[in-house]
Amino acid sequence: MIVDEYLNVTRAVAKAMGLRPSGLRELTLPANRSPTDEETLLNLSGKAHDILYSAKTVFPLDLFPDTVVLDRERLTIIQKEFFFTARIVSVPVRDILSVEVDIGPFFGSVHMSSRYFSSNPYSMNFLWRKDAIKLQRLLQGYIIAHERQIECSDIDKNDLIKLLYELG
């Protein structure tokens, strides 16, 4: 019953403060009790918002800089087209099929294909060179981990970043 009270209190506080479930900590349950669907969803949603990597395109070359954000569950690409307008594309990481990178002395481009845009690979140009390389290695690490059916949700954020980078 302590866990149920904890859920109700934290949910009420989060709702009153306007917080999302990501602001909540992971629940610990007594050994003799299995989690309910609601508790499992609460734990997953808390970890799902861990940002593993984020990069922006370079301003003078891209008048409205685009942003790419990689978290535990998805890759989000925010394309700015004009002031206060954006096109946001979110792709589950498990659906990314391949990642290629073109690098020069200063800048790089990342080309991604997934089940959603397999016929038309998505490209991000004018990233800093180091950002393009790191994003490509992290995504490639995720692809390899998914192919080998490795569950990444229980790994600590910093350890996951290091392991995916080395794997990619």
N, C-alpha and C. Protein backbone atom coordinates (compact mmCIF):
# COMPACT_ATOMS: atom_id res chain seq x y z
N MET A 1 0.80 -1.20 0.00
CA MET A 1 0.00 0.00 0.00
C MET A 1 0.85 1.27 0.00
N ILE A 2 2.07 1.17 0.47
CA ILE A 2 2.94 2.34 0.50
C ILE A 2 3.22 2.83 -0.92
N VAL A 3 3.42 1.89 -1.85
CA VAL A 3 3.70 2.26 -3.24
C VAL A 3 2.49 2.97 -3.84
N ASP A 4 1.27 2.48 -3.56
CA ASP A 4 0.07 3.12 -4.09
C ASP A 4 -0.06 4.55 -3.57
N GLU A 5 0.25 4.74 -2.28
CA GLU A 5 0.20 6.09 -1.72
C GLU A 5 1.27 6.97 -2.35
N TYR A 6 2.44 6.38 -2.58
CA TYR A 6 3.52 7.13 -3.22
C TYR A 6 3.09 7.57 -4.62
N LEU A 7 2.48 6.67 -5.38
CA LEU A 7 2.01 7.02 -6.72
C LEU A 7 0.99 8.15 -6.68
N ASN A 8 0.04 8.06 -5.79
CA ASN A 8 -1.00 9.08 -5.71
C ASN A 8 -0.43 10.43 -5.30
N VAL A 9 0.47 10.43 -4.32
CA VAL A 9 1.04 11.69 -3.86
C VAL A 9 1.92 12.31 -4.94
N THR A 10 2.79 11.52 -5.56
CA THR A 10 3.67 12.09 -6.58
C THR A 10 2.89 12.52 -7.81
N ARG A 11 1.87 11.78 -8.17
CA ARG A 11 1.04 12.17 -9.31
C ARG A 11 0.33 13.48 -9.01
N ALA A 12 -0.19 13.63 -7.79
CA ALA A 12 -0.88 14.86 -7.41
C ALA A 12 0.08 16.05 -7.41
N VAL A 13 1.27 15.85 -6.86
CA VAL A 13 2.26 16.94 -6.82
C VAL A 13 2.70 17.29 -8.24
N ALA A 14 2.95 16.28 -9.06
CA ALA A 14 3.37 16.53 -10.45
C ALA A 14 2.28 17.26 -11.21
N LYS A 15 1.03 16.87 -11.01
CA LYS A 15 -0.07 17.52 -11.70
C LYS A 15 -0.22 18.97 -11.23
N ALA A 16 -0.09 19.20 -9.93
CA ALA A 16 -0.22 20.55 -9.39
C ALA A 16 0.89 21.47 -9.89
N MET A 17 2.09 20.90 -10.05
CA MET A 17 3.23 21.71 -10.49
C MET A 17 3.36 21.74 -12.01
N GLY A 18 2.53 20.96 -12.70
CA GLY A 18 2.59 20.92 -14.16
C GLY A 18 3.76 20.12 -14.67
N LEU A 19 4.28 19.18 -13.88
CA LEU A 19 5.40 18.36 -14.29
C LEU A 19 4.94 17.17 -15.09
N ARG A 20 5.80 16.72 -15.98
CA ARG A 20 5.56 15.49 -16.71
C ARG A 20 6.07 14.32 -15.89
N PRO A 21 5.70 13.11 -16.26
CA PRO A 21 6.19 11.96 -15.53
C PRO A 21 7.70 11.83 -15.53
N SER A 22 8.41 12.49 -16.46
CA SER A 22 9.86 12.38 -16.48
C SER A 22 10.50 13.01 -15.24
N GLY A 23 9.78 13.88 -14.55
CA GLY A 23 10.30 14.47 -13.34
C GLY A 23 10.20 13.55 -12.15
N LEU A 24 9.55 12.42 -12.31
CA LEU A 24 9.39 11.48 -11.22
C LEU A 24 10.52 10.47 -11.21
N ARG A 25 10.83 9.98 -10.04
CA ARG A 25 11.88 8.99 -9.93
C ARG A 25 11.32 7.60 -10.19
N GLU A 26 12.24 6.68 -10.42
CA GLU A 26 11.83 5.31 -10.67
C GLU A 26 11.31 4.70 -9.37
N LEU A 27 10.25 3.92 -9.48
CA LEU A 27 9.65 3.30 -8.32
C LEU A 27 10.40 2.05 -7.90
N THR A 28 10.48 1.82 -6.62
CA THR A 28 11.01 0.57 -6.11
C THR A 28 9.87 -0.15 -5.40
N LEU A 29 9.69 -1.41 -5.74
CA LEU A 29 8.58 -2.19 -5.21
C LEU A 29 9.08 -3.20 -4.20
N PRO A 30 8.21 -3.60 -3.27
CA PRO A 30 8.58 -4.69 -2.38
C PRO A 30 8.84 -5.96 -3.19
N ALA A 31 9.66 -6.86 -2.65
CA ALA A 31 10.08 -8.05 -3.38
C ALA A 31 8.92 -8.99 -3.71
N ASN A 32 7.90 -9.01 -2.89
CA ASN A 32 6.81 -9.97 -3.09
C ASN A 32 5.71 -9.45 -4.00
N ARG A 33 5.87 -8.29 -4.62
CA ARG A 33 4.80 -7.70 -5.42
C ARG A 33 5.31 -7.37 -6.81
N SER A 34 4.54 -7.72 -7.83
CA SER A 34 4.91 -7.37 -9.20
C SER A 34 4.23 -6.04 -9.56
N PRO A 35 4.88 -5.27 -10.45
CA PRO A 35 4.32 -3.95 -10.77
C PRO A 35 3.05 -4.04 -11.62
N THR A 36 2.17 -3.09 -11.43
CA THR A 36 0.97 -3.00 -12.26
C THR A 36 1.35 -2.35 -13.59
N ASP A 37 0.43 -2.34 -14.52
CA ASP A 37 0.69 -1.71 -15.82
C ASP A 37 0.95 -0.22 -15.67
N GLU A 38 0.23 0.40 -14.75
CA GLU A 38 0.40 1.84 -14.53
C GLU A 38 1.79 2.15 -13.97
N GLU A 39 2.25 1.33 -13.04
CA GLU A 39 3.58 1.53 -12.46
C GLU A 39 4.67 1.28 -13.48
N THR A 40 4.49 0.27 -14.32
CA THR A 40 5.46 -0.02 -15.37
C THR A 40 5.53 1.13 -16.36
N LEU A 41 4.38 1.65 -16.75
CA LEU A 41 4.34 2.78 -17.67
C LEU A 41 4.98 4.02 -17.07
N LEU A 42 4.76 4.24 -15.79
CA LEU A 42 5.36 5.39 -15.10
C LEU A 42 6.88 5.28 -15.09
N ASN A 43 7.40 4.08 -14.81
CA ASN A 43 8.84 3.88 -14.83
C ASN A 43 9.43 4.08 -16.22
N LEU A 44 8.77 3.54 -17.24
CA LEU A 44 9.25 3.68 -18.61
C LEU A 44 9.23 5.13 -19.07
N SER A 45 8.18 5.85 -18.73
CA SER A 45 8.08 7.23 -19.18
C SER A 45 9.13 8.11 -18.51
N GLY A 46 9.53 7.77 -17.31
CA GLY A 46 10.58 8.54 -16.64
C GLY A 46 11.91 8.40 -17.34
N LYS A 47 12.23 7.19 -17.81
CA LYS A 47 13.50 6.95 -18.49
C LYS A 47 13.47 7.37 -19.95
N ALA A 48 12.31 7.38 -20.55
CA ALA A 48 12.20 7.64 -21.99
C ALA A 48 12.65 9.05 -22.36
N HIS A 49 12.64 9.97 -21.43
CA HIS A 49 12.99 11.36 -21.72
C HIS A 49 14.46 11.67 -21.44
N ASP A 50 15.27 10.65 -21.18
CA ASP A 50 16.70 10.87 -21.00
C ASP A 50 17.31 11.22 -22.35
N ILE A 51 17.78 12.44 -22.49
CA ILE A 51 18.39 12.86 -23.76
C ILE A 51 19.82 12.36 -23.78
N LEU A 52 20.11 11.51 -24.76
CA LEU A 52 21.45 10.96 -24.90
C LEU A 52 22.36 11.90 -25.68
N TYR A 53 21.80 12.57 -26.68
CA TYR A 53 22.61 13.49 -27.48
C TYR A 53 21.71 14.48 -28.20
N SER A 54 22.19 15.68 -28.35
CA SER A 54 21.46 16.73 -29.05
C SER A 54 22.47 17.57 -29.82
N ALA A 55 22.11 17.95 -31.05
CA ALA A 55 23.00 18.77 -31.87
C ALA A 55 22.17 19.72 -32.72
N LYS A 56 22.78 20.87 -33.03
CA LYS A 56 22.14 21.88 -33.88
C LYS A 56 23.02 22.14 -35.09
N THR A 57 22.36 22.53 -36.18
CA THR A 57 23.11 22.94 -37.35
C THR A 57 23.73 24.31 -37.09
N VAL A 58 24.73 24.65 -37.89
CA VAL A 58 25.49 25.87 -37.68
C VAL A 58 24.72 27.07 -38.23
N PHE A 59 24.60 28.11 -37.40
CA PHE A 59 23.74 29.27 -37.70
C PHE A 59 24.05 30.01 -39.00
N PRO A 60 25.22 30.48 -39.24
CA PRO A 60 25.34 31.31 -40.44
C PRO A 60 25.07 30.54 -41.73
N LEU A 61 25.33 29.24 -41.72
CA LEU A 61 25.10 28.45 -42.93
C LEU A 61 23.66 27.98 -43.05
N ASP A 62 22.98 27.89 -41.94
CA ASP A 62 21.57 27.52 -41.91
C ASP A 62 20.86 28.64 -41.16
N LEU A 63 20.12 29.46 -41.88
CA LEU A 63 19.51 30.66 -41.30
C LEU A 63 18.61 30.33 -40.11
N PHE A 64 17.86 29.24 -40.20
CA PHE A 64 17.02 28.78 -39.10
C PHE A 64 17.54 27.41 -38.69
N PRO A 65 18.40 27.34 -37.69
CA PRO A 65 19.09 26.08 -37.34
C PRO A 65 18.12 24.94 -36.99
N ASP A 66 18.42 23.77 -37.56
CA ASP A 66 17.68 22.55 -37.26
C ASP A 66 18.31 21.90 -36.03
N THR A 67 17.52 21.07 -35.37
CA THR A 67 17.99 20.37 -34.17
C THR A 67 17.68 18.89 -34.30
N VAL A 68 18.59 18.07 -33.84
CA VAL A 68 18.35 16.64 -33.76
C VAL A 68 18.57 16.22 -32.30
N VAL A 69 17.62 15.43 -31.77
CA VAL A 69 17.67 15.00 -30.38
C VAL A 69 17.51 13.48 -30.36
N LEU A 70 18.45 12.81 -29.71
CA LEU A 70 18.41 11.36 -29.55
C LEU A 70 18.15 11.05 -28.09
N ASP A 71 17.06 10.33 -27.82
CA ASP A 71 16.82 9.85 -26.46
C ASP A 71 16.73 8.33 -26.49
N ARG A 72 16.34 7.73 -25.39
CA ARG A 72 16.34 6.27 -25.29
C ARG A 72 15.36 5.61 -26.25
N GLU A 73 14.30 6.28 -26.61
CA GLU A 73 13.24 5.66 -27.40
C GLU A 73 13.15 6.15 -28.83
N ARG A 74 13.54 7.39 -29.11
CA ARG A 74 13.30 7.94 -30.44
C ARG A 74 14.36 8.96 -30.82
N LEU A 75 14.38 9.20 -32.12
CA LEU A 75 15.20 10.25 -32.70
C LEU A 75 14.23 11.33 -33.17
N THR A 76 14.41 12.55 -32.69
CA THR A 76 13.53 13.65 -33.05
C THR A 76 14.32 14.68 -33.84
N ILE A 77 13.78 15.04 -35.00
CA ILE A 77 14.42 16.03 -35.86
C ILE A 77 13.48 17.22 -35.96
N ILE A 78 14.00 18.38 -35.58
CA ILE A 78 13.21 19.61 -35.60
C ILE A 78 13.78 20.51 -36.70
N GLN A 79 13.00 20.68 -37.74
CA GLN A 79 13.40 21.51 -38.88
C GLN A 79 12.72 22.85 -38.78
N LYS A 80 13.49 23.89 -38.57
CA LYS A 80 12.93 25.24 -38.54
C LYS A 80 12.88 25.78 -39.95
N GLU A 81 11.72 26.30 -40.31
CA GLU A 81 11.56 26.82 -41.66
C GLU A 81 11.48 28.35 -41.68
N PHE A 82 10.95 28.91 -40.60
CA PHE A 82 10.82 30.35 -40.48
C PHE A 82 10.65 30.65 -39.00
N PHE A 83 10.48 31.90 -38.63
CA PHE A 83 10.28 32.26 -37.23
C PHE A 83 9.01 31.58 -36.70
N PHE A 84 9.13 30.93 -35.57
CA PHE A 84 8.02 30.30 -34.86
C PHE A 84 7.33 29.19 -35.65
N THR A 85 7.98 28.66 -36.66
CA THR A 85 7.42 27.52 -37.40
C THR A 85 8.47 26.41 -37.44
N ALA A 86 8.00 25.19 -37.35
CA ALA A 86 8.92 24.06 -37.37
C ALA A 86 8.19 22.82 -37.86
N ARG A 87 8.93 21.93 -38.42
CA ARG A 87 8.44 20.61 -38.79
C ARG A 87 9.18 19.62 -37.91
N ILE A 88 8.44 18.83 -37.14
CA ILE A 88 9.04 17.91 -36.18
C ILE A 88 8.76 16.48 -36.63
N VAL A 89 9.83 15.72 -36.76
CA VAL A 89 9.73 14.32 -37.16
C VAL A 89 10.33 13.48 -36.03
N SER A 90 9.56 12.53 -35.52
CA SER A 90 10.06 11.61 -34.49
C SER A 90 10.00 10.20 -35.04
N VAL A 91 11.11 9.50 -34.91
CA VAL A 91 11.22 8.14 -35.41
C VAL A 91 11.70 7.26 -34.25
N PRO A 92 11.02 6.16 -33.98
CA PRO A 92 11.54 5.23 -32.96
C PRO A 92 12.92 4.74 -33.37
N VAL A 93 13.82 4.66 -32.42
CA VAL A 93 15.20 4.27 -32.71
C VAL A 93 15.24 2.87 -33.30
N ARG A 94 14.34 2.00 -32.86
CA ARG A 94 14.35 0.62 -33.37
C ARG A 94 13.99 0.54 -34.85
N ASP A 95 13.41 1.61 -35.42
CA ASP A 95 13.02 1.61 -36.83
C ASP A 95 14.05 2.25 -37.75
N ILE A 96 15.15 2.71 -37.21
CA ILE A 96 16.21 3.29 -38.05
C ILE A 96 16.99 2.15 -38.68
N LEU A 97 17.12 2.19 -40.00
CA LEU A 97 17.76 1.10 -40.73
C LEU A 97 19.25 1.34 -40.98
N SER A 98 19.61 2.56 -41.34
CA SER A 98 21.02 2.84 -41.61
C SER A 98 21.31 4.32 -41.37
N VAL A 99 22.59 4.58 -41.12
CA VAL A 99 23.06 5.95 -40.89
C VAL A 99 24.38 6.11 -41.62
N GLU A 100 24.48 7.17 -42.40
CA GLU A 100 25.72 7.49 -43.11
C GLU A 100 26.12 8.90 -42.74
N VAL A 101 27.41 9.16 -42.79
CA VAL A 101 27.90 10.49 -42.48
C VAL A 101 28.90 10.92 -43.55
N ASP A 102 28.78 12.15 -43.99
CA ASP A 102 29.75 12.78 -44.88
C ASP A 102 30.41 13.88 -44.07
N ILE A 103 31.73 13.82 -44.00
CA ILE A 103 32.43 14.84 -43.19
C ILE A 103 33.48 15.55 -44.02
N GLY A 104 33.66 16.79 -43.67
CA GLY A 104 34.69 17.62 -44.27
C GLY A 104 35.59 18.13 -43.16
N PRO A 105 36.40 19.13 -43.44
CA PRO A 105 37.30 19.63 -42.41
C PRO A 105 36.58 20.32 -41.25
N PHE A 106 35.42 20.92 -41.50
CA PHE A 106 34.70 21.65 -40.44
C PHE A 106 33.30 21.13 -40.20
N PHE A 107 32.61 20.74 -41.25
CA PHE A 107 31.19 20.39 -41.15
C PHE A 107 30.96 18.96 -41.59
N GLY A 108 29.78 18.47 -41.24
CA GLY A 108 29.39 17.13 -41.64
C GLY A 108 27.91 17.07 -41.94
N SER A 109 27.53 16.01 -42.65
CA SER A 109 26.12 15.75 -42.95
C SER A 109 25.81 14.33 -42.52
N VAL A 110 24.62 14.15 -41.97
CA VAL A 110 24.17 12.82 -41.55
C VAL A 110 22.97 12.45 -42.42
N HIS A 111 23.01 11.25 -42.99
CA HIS A 111 21.94 10.74 -43.82
C HIS A 111 21.38 9.50 -43.14
N MET A 112 20.07 9.51 -42.85
CA MET A 112 19.43 8.42 -42.12
C MET A 112 18.31 7.84 -42.95
N SER A 113 18.18 6.54 -42.90
CA SER A 113 17.01 5.91 -43.52
C SER A 113 16.35 5.03 -42.46
N SER A 114 15.05 5.03 -42.49
CA SER A 114 14.30 4.21 -41.55
C SER A 114 13.12 3.60 -42.28
N ARG A 115 12.33 2.88 -41.56
CA ARG A 115 11.14 2.28 -42.15
C ARG A 115 10.16 3.37 -42.61
N TYR A 116 10.23 4.55 -41.99
CA TYR A 116 9.30 5.62 -42.31
C TYR A 116 9.75 6.44 -43.51
N PHE A 117 11.04 6.66 -43.66
CA PHE A 117 11.51 7.36 -44.85
C PHE A 117 12.61 6.56 -45.53
N SER A 118 12.30 5.29 -45.86
CA SER A 118 13.28 4.40 -46.50
C SER A 118 13.49 4.77 -47.97
N SER A 119 12.44 5.19 -48.66
CA SER A 119 12.60 5.55 -50.07
C SER A 119 13.26 6.92 -50.22
N ASN A 120 13.16 7.75 -49.21
CA ASN A 120 13.73 9.09 -49.25
C ASN A 120 14.52 9.31 -47.96
N PRO A 121 15.81 8.98 -47.94
CA PRO A 121 16.60 9.14 -46.72
C PRO A 121 16.59 10.59 -46.24
N TYR A 122 16.55 10.75 -44.94
CA TYR A 122 16.53 12.09 -44.35
C TYR A 122 17.97 12.57 -44.16
N SER A 123 18.23 13.81 -44.45
CA SER A 123 19.58 14.36 -44.33
C SER A 123 19.57 15.61 -43.46
N MET A 124 20.60 15.73 -42.67
CA MET A 124 20.86 16.96 -41.91
C MET A 124 22.22 17.47 -42.33
N ASN A 125 22.24 18.66 -42.89
CA ASN A 125 23.49 19.26 -43.37
C ASN A 125 23.95 20.35 -42.41
N PHE A 126 25.22 20.68 -42.53
CA PHE A 126 25.84 21.78 -41.78
C PHE A 126 25.86 21.53 -40.27
N LEU A 127 26.06 20.28 -39.87
CA LEU A 127 26.36 19.99 -38.46
C LEU A 127 27.86 20.17 -38.28
N TRP A 128 28.28 20.49 -37.06
CA TRP A 128 29.70 20.50 -36.81
C TRP A 128 30.23 19.09 -37.02
N ARG A 129 31.45 18.97 -37.43
CA ARG A 129 32.06 17.68 -37.75
C ARG A 129 31.94 16.69 -36.60
N LYS A 130 32.29 17.13 -35.39
CA LYS A 130 32.26 16.23 -34.22
C LYS A 130 30.82 15.81 -33.89
N ASP A 131 29.86 16.70 -34.10
CA ASP A 131 28.46 16.35 -33.85
C ASP A 131 27.96 15.29 -34.83
N ALA A 132 28.33 15.43 -36.10
CA ALA A 132 27.91 14.46 -37.11
C ALA A 132 28.50 13.08 -36.82
N ILE A 133 29.77 13.04 -36.44
CA ILE A 133 30.43 11.76 -36.15
C ILE A 133 29.82 11.10 -34.92
N LYS A 134 29.60 11.88 -33.86
CA LYS A 134 29.06 11.30 -32.63
C LYS A 134 27.63 10.81 -32.83
N LEU A 135 26.81 11.58 -33.54
CA LEU A 135 25.45 11.15 -33.81
C LEU A 135 25.42 9.87 -34.63
N GLN A 136 26.28 9.78 -35.63
CA GLN A 136 26.34 8.59 -36.47
C GLN A 136 26.77 7.37 -35.65
N ARG A 137 27.74 7.53 -34.78
CA ARG A 137 28.22 6.39 -33.98
C ARG A 137 27.19 5.94 -32.97
N LEU A 138 26.49 6.89 -32.33
CA LEU A 138 25.45 6.52 -31.37
C LEU A 138 24.29 5.79 -32.05
N LEU A 139 23.86 6.31 -33.20
CA LEU A 139 22.77 5.66 -33.92
C LEU A 139 23.19 4.29 -34.45
N GLN A 140 24.41 4.19 -34.94
CA GLN A 140 24.91 2.90 -35.41
C GLN A 140 25.00 1.91 -34.26
N GLY A 141 25.40 2.36 -33.09
CA GLY A 141 25.42 1.50 -31.91
C GLY A 141 24.03 1.02 -31.55
N TYR A 142 23.04 1.90 -31.64
CA TYR A 142 21.65 1.52 -31.38
C TYR A 142 21.17 0.48 -32.40
N ILE A 143 21.54 0.65 -33.66
CA ILE A 143 21.13 -0.30 -34.69
C ILE A 143 21.71 -1.68 -34.40
N ILE A 144 22.98 -1.73 -34.04
CA ILE A 144 23.62 -3.01 -33.73
C ILE A 144 23.00 -3.64 -32.49
N ALA A 145 22.76 -2.84 -31.46
CA ALA A 145 22.14 -3.36 -30.24
C ALA A 145 20.74 -3.91 -30.53
N HIS A 146 19.99 -3.22 -31.36
CA HIS A 146 18.64 -3.68 -31.68
C HIS A 146 18.68 -4.97 -32.49
N GLU A 147 19.63 -5.08 -33.44
CA GLU A 147 19.75 -6.31 -34.23
C GLU A 147 20.08 -7.51 -33.35
N ARG A 148 20.85 -7.28 -32.30
CA ARG A 148 21.22 -8.38 -31.40
C ARG A 148 20.23 -8.53 -30.24
N GLN A 149 19.14 -7.78 -30.31
CA GLN A 149 18.05 -7.82 -29.33
C GLN A 149 18.53 -7.55 -27.90
N ILE A 150 19.35 -6.51 -27.77
CA ILE A 150 19.86 -6.08 -26.47
C ILE A 150 18.93 -4.99 -25.93
N GLU A 151 18.42 -5.17 -24.74
CA GLU A 151 17.53 -4.20 -24.11
C GLU A 151 18.37 -3.10 -23.46
N CYS A 152 18.19 -1.87 -23.90
CA CYS A 152 19.00 -0.74 -23.44
C CYS A 152 18.31 0.11 -22.38
N SER A 153 17.06 -0.18 -22.06
CA SER A 153 16.31 0.70 -21.17
C SER A 153 16.76 0.62 -19.71
N ASP A 154 17.42 -0.46 -19.31
CA ASP A 154 17.83 -0.60 -17.91
C ASP A 154 19.26 -0.14 -17.65
N ILE A 155 19.96 0.28 -18.68
CA ILE A 155 21.35 0.71 -18.55
C ILE A 155 21.38 2.18 -18.15
N ASP A 156 22.29 2.52 -17.25
CA ASP A 156 22.47 3.91 -16.82
C ASP A 156 22.78 4.80 -18.02
N LYS A 157 22.29 6.03 -17.99
CA LYS A 157 22.40 6.95 -19.13
C LYS A 157 23.84 7.15 -19.58
N ASN A 158 24.74 7.47 -18.66
CA ASN A 158 26.13 7.74 -19.03
C ASN A 158 26.81 6.48 -19.56
N ASP A 159 26.53 5.33 -18.94
CA ASP A 159 27.10 4.07 -19.41
C ASP A 159 26.56 3.73 -20.80
N LEU A 160 25.27 3.99 -21.02
CA LEU A 160 24.67 3.70 -22.32
C LEU A 160 25.31 4.54 -23.43
N ILE A 161 25.56 5.80 -23.15
CA ILE A 161 26.20 6.67 -24.15
C ILE A 161 27.59 6.12 -24.51
N LYS A 162 28.37 5.76 -23.50
CA LYS A 162 29.71 5.22 -23.76
C LYS A 162 29.65 3.91 -24.53
N LEU A 163 28.75 3.01 -24.12
CA LEU A 163 28.66 1.71 -24.78
C LEU A 163 28.19 1.83 -26.22
N LEU A 164 27.19 2.66 -26.47
CA LEU A 164 26.70 2.83 -27.84
C LEU A 164 27.76 3.48 -28.72
N TYR A 165 28.49 4.43 -28.17
CA TYR A 165 29.55 5.11 -28.94
C TYR A 165 30.65 4.12 -29.32
N GLU A 166 31.05 3.29 -28.37
CA GLU A 166 32.08 2.29 -28.65
C GLU A 166 31.57 1.23 -29.62
N LEU A 167 30.33 0.83 -29.49
CA LEU A 167 29.75 -0.18 -30.36
C LEU A 167 29.60 0.33 -31.78
N GLY A 168 29.27 1.61 -31.92
CA GLY A 168 29.07 2.19 -33.25
C GLY A 168 30.36 2.52 -33.91
